[in-house]
Amino acid sequence: MSYKFLGVLPNSPGDESPTVWLHEPSGDLLIQSYKATDEEVQGCQKAGSVPGHSTDVPGHETIIRLPKEMLRFIPRIEGEGEANSDDA
């Protein structure tokens, strides 16, 4: 099996279920979630990106809104974030 279920938004109705899966061979995440509104997309574009990188969203990409409760299902890379652990 090359996909692993990681989690679903707790208490979400059956027809509205933000979900996270892991593609095990690549380590990529597949996320089903709420489509960002036009206002949210414009907010992301206004916030910008790295210099020289467009904030336009190509047709083969999209922006989703992931509820914060879903962050617990996102795997952490070993050692990531440890440098800032004393800043909290």
N, C-alpha and C. Protein backbone atom coordinates (compact mmCIF):
# COMPACT_ATOMS: atom_id res chain seq x y z
N MET A 1 0.85 -1.18 0.00
CA MET A 1 0.00 0.00 0.00
C MET A 1 0.88 1.23 0.00
N SER A 2 0.64 2.16 -0.90
CA SER A 2 1.51 3.32 -0.98
C SER A 2 0.90 4.57 -0.37
N TYR A 3 -0.33 4.48 0.14
CA TYR A 3 -0.97 5.62 0.80
C TYR A 3 -1.36 5.22 2.21
N LYS A 4 -1.19 6.17 3.13
CA LYS A 4 -1.54 5.90 4.52
C LYS A 4 -2.48 7.00 5.01
N PHE A 5 -3.61 6.63 5.56
CA PHE A 5 -4.54 7.58 6.16
C PHE A 5 -3.91 8.13 7.43
N LEU A 6 -3.90 9.47 7.58
CA LEU A 6 -3.33 10.08 8.78
C LEU A 6 -4.39 10.63 9.72
N GLY A 7 -5.47 11.20 9.18
CA GLY A 7 -6.49 11.72 10.08
C GLY A 7 -7.58 12.48 9.36
N VAL A 8 -8.70 12.64 10.07
CA VAL A 8 -9.83 13.40 9.56
C VAL A 8 -10.23 14.42 10.63
N LEU A 9 -10.79 15.55 10.21
CA LEU A 9 -11.20 16.59 11.15
C LEU A 9 -12.22 16.01 12.12
N PRO A 10 -11.90 16.01 13.40
CA PRO A 10 -12.83 15.45 14.38
C PRO A 10 -14.20 16.15 14.32
N ASN A 11 -15.24 15.39 14.52
CA ASN A 11 -16.61 15.89 14.58
C ASN A 11 -17.10 16.53 13.29
N SER A 12 -16.45 16.26 12.17
CA SER A 12 -16.93 16.83 10.91
C SER A 12 -18.03 15.92 10.35
N PRO A 13 -19.01 16.54 9.68
CA PRO A 13 -20.06 15.71 9.08
C PRO A 13 -19.49 14.82 7.98
N GLY A 14 -20.16 13.73 7.68
CA GLY A 14 -19.69 12.75 6.71
C GLY A 14 -19.45 13.31 5.33
N ASP A 15 -20.17 14.36 4.95
CA ASP A 15 -19.99 14.92 3.61
C ASP A 15 -19.05 16.12 3.60
N GLU A 16 -18.48 16.46 4.74
CA GLU A 16 -17.53 17.57 4.86
C GLU A 16 -16.40 17.07 5.75
N SER A 17 -15.46 16.37 5.17
CA SER A 17 -14.46 15.71 5.99
C SER A 17 -13.04 16.05 5.57
N PRO A 18 -12.50 17.20 6.02
CA PRO A 18 -11.08 17.44 5.74
C PRO A 18 -10.26 16.24 6.21
N THR A 19 -9.39 15.77 5.34
CA THR A 19 -8.65 14.53 5.57
C THR A 19 -7.22 14.69 5.09
N VAL A 20 -6.29 13.99 5.75
CA VAL A 20 -4.88 14.01 5.36
C VAL A 20 -4.42 12.57 5.15
N TRP A 21 -3.72 12.35 4.02
CA TRP A 21 -3.10 11.07 3.71
C TRP A 21 -1.62 11.31 3.42
N LEU A 22 -0.82 10.26 3.58
CA LEU A 22 0.60 10.28 3.29
C LEU A 22 0.86 9.36 2.11
N HIS A 23 1.58 9.85 1.10
CA HIS A 23 2.05 8.99 0.02
C HIS A 23 3.40 8.47 0.51
N GLU A 24 3.42 7.24 0.95
CA GLU A 24 4.59 6.71 1.65
C GLU A 24 5.88 6.68 0.83
N PRO A 25 5.84 6.33 -0.46
CA PRO A 25 7.10 6.30 -1.20
C PRO A 25 7.79 7.68 -1.30
N SER A 26 7.00 8.75 -1.44
CA SER A 26 7.61 10.07 -1.63
C SER A 26 7.62 10.92 -0.36
N GLY A 27 6.76 10.58 0.61
CA GLY A 27 6.63 11.41 1.80
C GLY A 27 5.70 12.59 1.59
N ASP A 28 5.09 12.70 0.40
CA ASP A 28 4.17 13.80 0.10
C ASP A 28 2.86 13.61 0.85
N LEU A 29 2.22 14.75 1.18
CA LEU A 29 0.91 14.72 1.81
C LEU A 29 -0.17 15.01 0.78
N LEU A 30 -1.29 14.35 0.90
CA LEU A 30 -2.46 14.65 0.09
C LEU A 30 -3.52 15.14 1.06
N ILE A 31 -4.08 16.31 0.79
CA ILE A 31 -4.97 16.96 1.73
C ILE A 31 -6.30 17.29 1.06
N GLN A 32 -7.36 16.77 1.64
CA GLN A 32 -8.71 17.17 1.25
C GLN A 32 -9.16 18.18 2.28
N SER A 33 -9.53 19.37 1.85
CA SER A 33 -9.96 20.37 2.80
C SER A 33 -10.82 21.40 2.10
N TYR A 34 -11.12 22.45 2.81
CA TYR A 34 -11.98 23.49 2.28
C TYR A 34 -11.24 24.33 1.25
N LYS A 35 -11.88 24.58 0.14
CA LYS A 35 -11.30 25.43 -0.90
C LYS A 35 -11.24 26.86 -0.36
N ALA A 36 -10.11 27.49 -0.54
CA ALA A 36 -9.96 28.88 -0.10
C ALA A 36 -10.93 29.77 -0.87
N THR A 37 -11.49 30.75 -0.17
CA THR A 37 -12.38 31.70 -0.83
C THR A 37 -11.55 32.67 -1.66
N ASP A 38 -12.20 33.40 -2.53
CA ASP A 38 -11.49 34.41 -3.32
C ASP A 38 -10.81 35.42 -2.40
N GLU A 39 -11.47 35.79 -1.32
CA GLU A 39 -10.89 36.74 -0.35
C GLU A 39 -9.64 36.17 0.30
N GLU A 40 -9.66 34.87 0.64
CA GLU A 40 -8.48 34.23 1.24
C GLU A 40 -7.33 34.15 0.25
N VAL A 41 -7.63 33.82 -1.01
CA VAL A 41 -6.60 33.77 -2.05
C VAL A 41 -5.98 35.15 -2.23
N GLN A 42 -6.82 36.17 -2.29
CA GLN A 42 -6.30 37.53 -2.44
C GLN A 42 -5.45 37.92 -1.23
N GLY A 43 -5.84 37.49 -0.04
CA GLY A 43 -5.04 37.76 1.16
C GLY A 43 -3.66 37.10 1.07
N CYS A 44 -3.63 35.87 0.56
CA CYS A 44 -2.35 35.17 0.39
C CYS A 44 -1.49 35.90 -0.64
N GLN A 45 -2.11 36.33 -1.73
CA GLN A 45 -1.37 37.04 -2.77
C GLN A 45 -0.84 38.37 -2.23
N LYS A 46 -1.62 39.06 -1.42
CA LYS A 46 -1.19 40.33 -0.84
C LYS A 46 -0.02 40.12 0.13
N ALA A 47 -0.07 39.01 0.88
CA ALA A 47 1.01 38.69 1.82
C ALA A 47 2.32 38.44 1.08
N GLY A 48 2.22 37.96 -0.16
CA GLY A 48 3.41 37.78 -0.99
C GLY A 48 4.07 36.44 -0.82
N SER A 49 5.25 36.35 -1.39
CA SER A 49 6.04 35.12 -1.39
C SER A 49 7.51 35.52 -1.37
N VAL A 50 8.39 34.63 -1.74
CA VAL A 50 9.81 34.97 -1.80
C VAL A 50 10.03 35.90 -2.99
N PRO A 51 11.03 36.78 -2.93
CA PRO A 51 11.28 37.71 -4.04
C PRO A 51 11.42 36.98 -5.38
N GLY A 52 10.75 37.48 -6.39
CA GLY A 52 10.83 36.92 -7.72
C GLY A 52 9.89 35.75 -7.97
N HIS A 53 9.11 35.38 -6.98
CA HIS A 53 8.18 34.24 -7.11
C HIS A 53 6.77 34.78 -7.22
N SER A 54 6.08 34.37 -8.26
CA SER A 54 4.72 34.84 -8.51
C SER A 54 3.76 34.36 -7.43
N THR A 55 2.74 35.15 -7.15
CA THR A 55 1.69 34.72 -6.23
C THR A 55 0.45 34.27 -7.01
N ASP A 56 0.55 34.22 -8.34
CA ASP A 56 -0.56 33.69 -9.13
C ASP A 56 -0.66 32.19 -8.88
N VAL A 57 -1.87 31.66 -8.89
CA VAL A 57 -2.09 30.23 -8.67
C VAL A 57 -2.33 29.57 -10.02
N PRO A 58 -1.40 28.73 -10.48
CA PRO A 58 -1.57 28.07 -11.77
C PRO A 58 -2.80 27.16 -11.77
N GLY A 59 -3.32 26.87 -12.94
CA GLY A 59 -4.50 26.04 -13.08
C GLY A 59 -4.38 24.66 -12.49
N HIS A 60 -3.16 24.11 -12.41
CA HIS A 60 -2.97 22.76 -11.86
C HIS A 60 -2.73 22.77 -10.35
N GLU A 61 -2.84 23.95 -9.72
CA GLU A 61 -2.67 24.08 -8.27
C GLU A 61 -3.90 24.76 -7.68
N THR A 62 -4.02 24.72 -6.37
CA THR A 62 -5.09 25.43 -5.69
C THR A 62 -4.61 25.80 -4.30
N ILE A 63 -5.32 26.68 -3.64
CA ILE A 63 -5.04 27.02 -2.24
C ILE A 63 -6.19 26.44 -1.43
N ILE A 64 -5.86 25.68 -0.40
CA ILE A 64 -6.88 25.14 0.48
C ILE A 64 -6.73 25.78 1.86
N ARG A 65 -7.80 25.76 2.63
CA ARG A 65 -7.76 26.25 4.01
C ARG A 65 -7.81 25.02 4.90
N LEU A 66 -6.74 24.80 5.65
CA LEU A 66 -6.64 23.64 6.53
C LEU A 66 -6.97 24.08 7.96
N PRO A 67 -8.04 23.55 8.55
CA PRO A 67 -8.36 23.92 9.93
C PRO A 67 -7.20 23.59 10.87
N LYS A 68 -6.93 24.46 11.85
CA LYS A 68 -5.79 24.27 12.74
C LYS A 68 -5.85 22.94 13.48
N GLU A 69 -7.06 22.43 13.71
CA GLU A 69 -7.19 21.14 14.39
C GLU A 69 -6.54 20.01 13.59
N MET A 70 -6.36 20.22 12.28
CA MET A 70 -5.78 19.20 11.42
C MET A 70 -4.25 19.16 11.51
N LEU A 71 -3.63 20.18 12.07
CA LEU A 71 -2.17 20.22 12.14
C LEU A 71 -1.59 19.04 12.91
N ARG A 72 -2.36 18.49 13.82
CA ARG A 72 -1.84 17.36 14.60
C ARG A 72 -1.62 16.11 13.74
N PHE A 73 -2.23 16.08 12.56
CA PHE A 73 -2.07 14.94 11.67
C PHE A 73 -0.90 15.11 10.70
N ILE A 74 -0.29 16.29 10.67
CA ILE A 74 0.82 16.55 9.76
C ILE A 74 2.10 16.00 10.39
N PRO A 75 2.76 15.05 9.72
CA PRO A 75 3.98 14.49 10.30
C PRO A 75 5.09 15.54 10.38
N ARG A 76 5.88 15.46 11.41
CA ARG A 76 7.00 16.38 11.61
C ARG A 76 8.28 15.69 11.14
N ILE A 77 9.13 16.45 10.49
CA ILE A 77 10.42 15.93 10.08
C ILE A 77 11.32 15.93 11.31
N GLU A 78 12.00 14.83 11.54
CA GLU A 78 12.86 14.72 12.72
C GLU A 78 13.84 15.87 12.78
N GLY A 79 13.89 16.53 13.93
CA GLY A 79 14.81 17.65 14.12
C GLY A 79 14.23 18.99 13.71
N GLU A 80 13.12 19.00 12.98
CA GLU A 80 12.53 20.26 12.52
C GLU A 80 11.90 20.99 13.70
N GLY A 81 12.22 22.26 13.82
CA GLY A 81 11.63 23.08 14.87
C GLY A 81 12.34 23.01 16.20
N GLU A 82 13.32 22.15 16.33
CA GLU A 82 14.00 22.01 17.62
C GLU A 82 14.81 23.25 17.98
N ALA A 83 15.32 23.96 16.99
CA ALA A 83 16.13 25.14 17.26
C ALA A 83 15.32 26.24 17.93
N ASN A 84 14.00 26.25 17.69
CA ASN A 84 13.15 27.29 18.26
C ASN A 84 12.40 26.82 19.50
N SER A 85 12.68 25.63 19.99
CA SER A 85 11.92 25.09 21.10
C SER A 85 12.09 25.91 22.39
N ASP A 86 13.22 26.60 22.56
CA ASP A 86 13.44 27.41 23.75
C ASP A 86 12.80 28.79 23.64
N ASP A 87 12.34 29.15 22.43
CA ASP A 87 11.76 30.48 22.22
C ASP A 87 10.35 30.59 22.77
N ALA A 88 9.70 29.48 23.04
CA ALA A 88 8.30 29.50 23.46
C ALA A 88 8.14 29.99 24.87
